[in-house]
């Protein structure tokens, strides 16, 4: 990975330059995890402001495994990844770069609405994915669930929840 050359590197720029690798390695220093847990832990580091997609996590894990920085092993139908000594050495070599990426993690949200917008977008995507195969009864049930959520949010904001 090419080192970051300046302290004011943007988060998007950092991710294009390999920060996802460092974030995954950092999470794996906590212990072995499967891809979903790795993504969730990274999201927690950023207080929900960054949710790495499976399209980031799994290809990066494969690349890290290809160079011997992580090791994957099947367990209960999932692949659980662990950092290797080579991965620990890589993380140590890039600790300054990791610190630059994590700099934003300790700062309260730049956009306080972002976690809600991300959740709404994930909901929209799952609805669009399953909509073509939903039966009429399932569509009615989903519509009721969404209405119940809308009512719950309204009650929360009106102080009656």
C-alpha atoms as a PDB file:
ATOM      1  CA  UNK A   1       0.000   0.000   0.000  1.00  0.00           C
ATOM      2  CA  UNK A   2       1.253   3.448  -0.877  1.00  0.00           C
ATOM      3  CA  UNK A   3       1.633   5.587   2.273  1.00  0.00           C
ATOM      4  CA  UNK A   4      -0.553   8.639   2.757  1.00  0.00           C
ATOM      5  CA  UNK A   5       1.555  11.708   2.151  1.00  0.00           C
ATOM      6  CA  UNK A   6      -0.368  14.403   3.959  1.00  0.00           C
ATOM      7  CA  UNK A   7      -2.352  14.829   7.144  1.00  0.00           C
ATOM      8  CA  UNK A   8      -5.362  16.445   5.475  1.00  0.00           C
ATOM      9  CA  UNK A   9      -6.203  13.477   3.243  1.00  0.00           C
ATOM     10  CA  UNK A  10      -9.964  13.114   2.722  1.00  0.00           C
ATOM     11  CA  UNK A  11     -11.699   9.952   3.886  1.00  0.00           C
ATOM     12  CA  UNK A  12     -12.761   9.014   0.354  1.00  0.00           C
ATOM     13  CA  UNK A  13      -9.229   9.537  -0.900  1.00  0.00           C
ATOM     14  CA  UNK A  14      -7.898   7.415   1.967  1.00  0.00           C
ATOM     15  CA  UNK A  15     -10.289   4.579   1.130  1.00  0.00           C
ATOM     16  CA  UNK A  16      -9.135   4.610  -2.499  1.00  0.00           C
ATOM     17  CA  UNK A  17      -5.545   4.373  -1.309  1.00  0.00           C
ATOM     18  CA  UNK A  18      -6.016   1.227   0.763  1.00  0.00           C
ATOM     19  CA  UNK A  19      -7.470   2.343   4.080  1.00  0.00           C
ATOM     20  CA  UNK A  20     -10.020  -0.486   3.967  1.00  0.00           C
ATOM     21  CA  UNK A  21      -7.108  -2.931   4.282  1.00  0.00           C
ATOM     22  CA  UNK A  22      -5.841  -1.171   7.387  1.00  0.00           C
ATOM     23  CA  UNK A  23      -9.290  -0.963   8.952  1.00  0.00           C
ATOM     24  CA  UNK A  24      -9.867  -4.683   8.415  1.00  0.00           C
ATOM     25  CA  UNK A  25      -6.463  -5.537   9.867  1.00  0.00           C
ATOM     26  CA  UNK A  26      -7.165  -3.287  12.868  1.00  0.00           C
ATOM     27  CA  UNK A  27     -10.490  -5.004  13.550  1.00  0.00           C
ATOM     28  CA  UNK A  28      -8.838  -8.420  13.279  1.00  0.00           C
ATOM     29  CA  UNK A  29      -6.355  -7.464  16.023  1.00  0.00           C
ATOM     30  CA  UNK A  30      -9.382  -7.847  18.358  1.00  0.00           C
ATOM     31  CA  UNK A  31      -9.660 -11.484  17.333  1.00  0.00           C
ATOM     32  CA  UNK A  32     -11.005 -13.602  14.463  1.00  0.00           C
ATOM     33  CA  UNK A  33     -14.235 -12.431  12.797  1.00  0.00           C
ATOM     34  CA  UNK A  34     -16.333 -13.176   9.746  1.00  0.00           C
ATOM     35  CA  UNK A  35     -16.922 -10.536   7.078  1.00  0.00           C
ATOM     36  CA  UNK A  36     -20.235  -9.241   8.427  1.00  0.00           C
ATOM     37  CA  UNK A  37     -18.775  -8.673  11.897  1.00  0.00           C
ATOM     38  CA  UNK A  38     -15.740  -6.929  10.415  1.00  0.00           C
ATOM     39  CA  UNK A  39     -18.018  -4.548   8.502  1.00  0.00           C
ATOM     40  CA  UNK A  40     -20.110  -3.903  11.624  1.00  0.00           C
ATOM     41  CA  UNK A  41     -17.044  -3.182  13.768  1.00  0.00           C
ATOM     42  CA  UNK A  42     -15.683  -0.740  11.169  1.00  0.00           C
ATOM     43  CA  UNK A  43     -19.071   0.982  11.097  1.00  0.00           C
ATOM     44  CA  UNK A  44     -18.982   1.215  14.904  1.00  0.00           C
ATOM     45  CA  UNK A  45     -15.539   2.842  14.730  1.00  0.00           C
ATOM     46  CA  UNK A  46     -17.115   5.577  12.611  1.00  0.00           C
ATOM     47  CA  UNK A  47     -20.329   5.800  14.648  1.00  0.00           C
ATOM     48  CA  UNK A  48     -22.373   4.637  11.694  1.00  0.00           C
ATOM     49  CA  UNK A  49     -21.103   7.356   9.370  1.00  0.00           C
ATOM     50  CA  UNK A  50     -19.258   4.821   7.258  1.00  0.00           C
ATOM     51  CA  UNK A  51     -20.706   1.391   6.550  1.00  0.00           C
ATOM     52  CA  UNK A  52     -18.375  -0.636   4.355  1.00  0.00           C
ATOM     53  CA  UNK A  53     -20.300  -2.628   1.793  1.00  0.00           C
ATOM     54  CA  UNK A  54     -19.785  -6.313   1.085  1.00  0.00           C
ATOM     55  CA  UNK A  55     -18.239  -5.100  -2.195  1.00  0.00           C
ATOM     56  CA  UNK A  56     -15.468  -3.494  -0.135  1.00  0.00           C
ATOM     57  CA  UNK A  57     -15.085  -6.061   2.644  1.00  0.00           C
ATOM     58  CA  UNK A  58     -14.983  -9.377   0.802  1.00  0.00           C
ATOM     59  CA  UNK A  59     -12.665  -8.486  -2.092  1.00  0.00           C
ATOM     60  CA  UNK A  60     -10.336  -6.760   0.384  1.00  0.00           C
ATOM     61  CA  UNK A  61     -10.334  -9.827   2.640  1.00  0.00           C
ATOM     62  CA  UNK A  62      -9.495 -11.981  -0.383  1.00  0.00           C
ATOM     63  CA  UNK A  63      -6.650  -9.646  -1.360  1.00  0.00           C
ATOM     64  CA  UNK A  64      -5.323  -9.693   2.220  1.00  0.00           C
ATOM     65  CA  UNK A  65      -5.509 -13.483   2.237  1.00  0.00           C
ATOM     66  CA  UNK A  66      -3.721 -13.648  -1.124  1.00  0.00           C
ATOM     67  CA  UNK A  67      -0.737 -11.760   0.323  1.00  0.00           C
ATOM     68  CA  UNK A  68      -0.761 -13.710   3.596  1.00  0.00           C
ATOM     69  CA  UNK A  69      -1.935 -10.897   5.885  1.00  0.00           C
ATOM     70  CA  UNK A  70      -5.092 -12.733   6.965  1.00  0.00           C
ATOM     71  CA  UNK A  71      -6.071 -16.373   7.079  1.00  0.00           C
ATOM     72  CA  UNK A  72      -9.617 -17.580   6.458  1.00  0.00           C
ATOM     73  CA  UNK A  73     -11.047 -20.793   7.877  1.00  0.00           C
ATOM     74  CA  UNK A  74     -14.536 -22.244   7.509  1.00  0.00           C
ATOM     75  CA  UNK A  75     -16.506 -22.408  10.729  1.00  0.00           C
ATOM     76  CA  UNK A  76     -20.205 -23.200  10.955  1.00  0.00           C
ATOM     77  CA  UNK A  77     -20.800 -22.384   7.298  1.00  0.00           C
ATOM     78  CA  UNK A  78     -18.942 -19.075   7.370  1.00  0.00           C
ATOM     79  CA  UNK A  79     -15.386 -18.051   6.723  1.00  0.00           C
ATOM     80  CA  UNK A  80     -13.770 -16.618   9.838  1.00  0.00           C
ATOM     81  CA  UNK A  81     -10.702 -14.477   9.250  1.00  0.00           C
ATOM     82  CA  UNK A  82      -7.718 -13.993  11.550  1.00  0.00           C
ATOM     83  CA  UNK A  83      -4.787 -11.628  11.203  1.00  0.00           C
ATOM     84  CA  UNK A  84      -1.419 -13.279  10.588  1.00  0.00           C
ATOM     85  CA  UNK A  85       2.023 -12.126  11.744  1.00  0.00           C
ATOM     86  CA  UNK A  86       2.514 -10.712   8.231  1.00  0.00           C
ATOM     87  CA  UNK A  87      -0.705  -8.708   8.659  1.00  0.00           C
ATOM     88  CA  UNK A  88       0.386  -7.434  12.079  1.00  0.00           C
ATOM     89  CA  UNK A  89       3.688  -6.293  10.574  1.00  0.00           C
ATOM     90  CA  UNK A  90       1.836  -4.504   7.750  1.00  0.00           C
ATOM     91  CA  UNK A  91      -0.427  -2.766  10.252  1.00  0.00           C
ATOM     92  CA  UNK A  92       2.602  -1.708  12.304  1.00  0.00           C
ATOM     93  CA  UNK A  93       4.311  -0.322   9.174  1.00  0.00           C
ATOM     94  CA  UNK A  94       1.237   1.796   8.424  1.00  0.00           C
ATOM     95  CA  UNK A  95       0.223   2.870  11.942  1.00  0.00           C
ATOM     96  CA  UNK A  96       0.528   6.556  11.000  1.00  0.00           C
ATOM     97  CA  UNK A  97      -1.688   6.010   7.969  1.00  0.00           C
ATOM     98  CA  UNK A  98      -4.237   4.179  10.124  1.00  0.00           C
ATOM     99  CA  UNK A  99      -4.201   7.040  12.630  1.00  0.00           C
ATOM    100  CA  UNK A 100      -5.007   9.484   9.815  1.00  0.00           C
ATOM    101  CA  UNK A 101      -7.945   7.362   8.697  1.00  0.00           C
ATOM    102  CA  UNK A 102      -9.239   6.930  12.233  1.00  0.00           C
ATOM    103  CA  UNK A 103      -8.876  10.622  12.942  1.00  0.00           C
ATOM    104  CA  UNK A 104     -12.467  11.160  11.872  1.00  0.00           C
ATOM    105  CA  UNK A 105     -13.757   8.216  13.899  1.00  0.00           C
ATOM    106  CA  UNK A 106     -13.419  10.037  17.212  1.00  0.00           C
ATOM    107  CA  UNK A 107     -15.119  13.160  15.967  1.00  0.00           C
ATOM    108  CA  UNK A 108     -18.886  13.310  16.459  1.00  0.00           C
ATOM    109  CA  UNK A 109     -20.731  13.124  13.157  1.00  0.00           C
ATOM    110  CA  UNK A 110     -20.003  15.628  10.468  1.00  0.00           C
ATOM    111  CA  UNK A 111     -23.567  15.027   9.268  1.00  0.00           C
ATOM    112  CA  UNK A 112     -25.843  13.949  12.124  1.00  0.00           C
ATOM    113  CA  UNK A 113     -28.492  12.714   9.661  1.00  0.00           C
ATOM    114  CA  UNK A 114     -26.081  10.385   7.881  1.00  0.00           C
ATOM    115  CA  UNK A 115     -26.786   7.209   9.924  1.00  0.00           C
ATOM    116  CA  UNK A 116     -30.530   7.652   9.310  1.00  0.00           C
ATOM    117  CA  UNK A 117     -30.003   8.339   5.605  1.00  0.00           C
ATOM    118  CA  UNK A 118     -27.815   5.227   5.311  1.00  0.00           C
ATOM    119  CA  UNK A 119     -30.427   3.098   7.099  1.00  0.00           C
ATOM    120  CA  UNK A 120     -33.168   4.468   4.818  1.00  0.00           C
ATOM    121  CA  UNK A 121     -31.037   3.725   1.767  1.00  0.00           C
ATOM    122  CA  UNK A 122     -30.377   0.155   2.946  1.00  0.00           C
ATOM    123  CA  UNK A 123     -34.125  -0.273   3.502  1.00  0.00           C
ATOM    124  CA  UNK A 124     -34.876   1.053   0.005  1.00  0.00           C
ATOM    125  CA  UNK A 125     -32.339  -1.345  -1.522  1.00  0.00           C
ATOM    126  CA  UNK A 126     -33.691  -4.410   0.270  1.00  0.00           C
ATOM    127  CA  UNK A 127     -37.254  -3.483  -0.688  1.00  0.00           C
ATOM    128  CA  UNK A 128     -36.316  -3.085  -4.342  1.00  0.00           C
ATOM    129  CA  UNK A 129     -34.373  -6.355  -4.260  1.00  0.00           C
ATOM    130  CA  UNK A 130     -37.246  -8.440  -2.837  1.00  0.00           C
ATOM    131  CA  UNK A 131     -40.215  -6.584  -4.368  1.00  0.00           C
ATOM    132  CA  UNK A 132     -40.351  -8.576  -7.618  1.00  0.00           C
ATOM    133  CA  UNK A 133     -40.678 -11.882  -5.743  1.00  0.00           C
ATOM    134  CA  UNK A 134     -43.071 -10.680  -2.997  1.00  0.00           C
ATOM    135  CA  UNK A 135     -46.535 -12.137  -2.945  1.00  0.00           C
ATOM    136  CA  UNK A 136     -49.507  -9.833  -2.490  1.00  0.00           C
ATOM    137  CA  UNK A 137     -49.784 -10.914   1.146  1.00  0.00           C
ATOM    138  CA  UNK A 138     -46.093 -10.151   1.741  1.00  0.00           C
ATOM    139  CA  UNK A 139     -46.457  -6.724   0.137  1.00  0.00           C
ATOM    140  CA  UNK A 140     -49.385  -5.911   2.417  1.00  0.00           C
ATOM    141  CA  UNK A 141     -47.424  -7.112   5.457  1.00  0.00           C
ATOM    142  CA  UNK A 142     -44.344  -5.044   4.503  1.00  0.00           C
ATOM    143  CA  UNK A 143     -46.539  -1.970   3.960  1.00  0.00           C
ATOM    144  CA  UNK A 144     -48.001  -2.438   7.463  1.00  0.00           C
ATOM    145  CA  UNK A 145     -44.504  -2.759   8.927  1.00  0.00           C
ATOM    146  CA  UNK A 146     -43.413   0.466   7.227  1.00  0.00           C
ATOM    147  CA  UNK A 147     -46.551   2.272   8.416  1.00  0.00           C
ATOM    148  CA  UNK A 148     -45.922   1.057  11.978  1.00  0.00           C
ATOM    149  CA  UNK A 149     -42.360   2.362  11.792  1.00  0.00           C
ATOM    150  CA  UNK A 150     -43.565   5.743  10.501  1.00  0.00           C
ATOM    151  CA  UNK A 151     -46.097   5.973  13.352  1.00  0.00           C
ATOM    152  CA  UNK A 152     -43.426   4.993  15.885  1.00  0.00           C
ATOM    153  CA  UNK A 153     -41.069   7.705  14.645  1.00  0.00           C
ATOM    154  CA  UNK A 154     -43.870  10.287  14.777  1.00  0.00           C
ATOM    155  CA  UNK A 155     -44.725   9.295  18.350  1.00  0.00           C
ATOM    156  CA  UNK A 156     -41.070   9.435  19.341  1.00  0.00           C
ATOM    157  CA  UNK A 157     -40.704  12.935  17.959  1.00  0.00           C
ATOM    158  CA  UNK A 158     -43.976  14.113  19.516  1.00  0.00           C
ATOM    159  CA  UNK A 159     -42.773  12.833  22.895  1.00  0.00           C
ATOM    160  CA  UNK A 160     -45.482  10.225  23.379  1.00  0.00           C
ATOM    161  CA  UNK A 161     -43.307   7.156  22.880  1.00  0.00           C
END
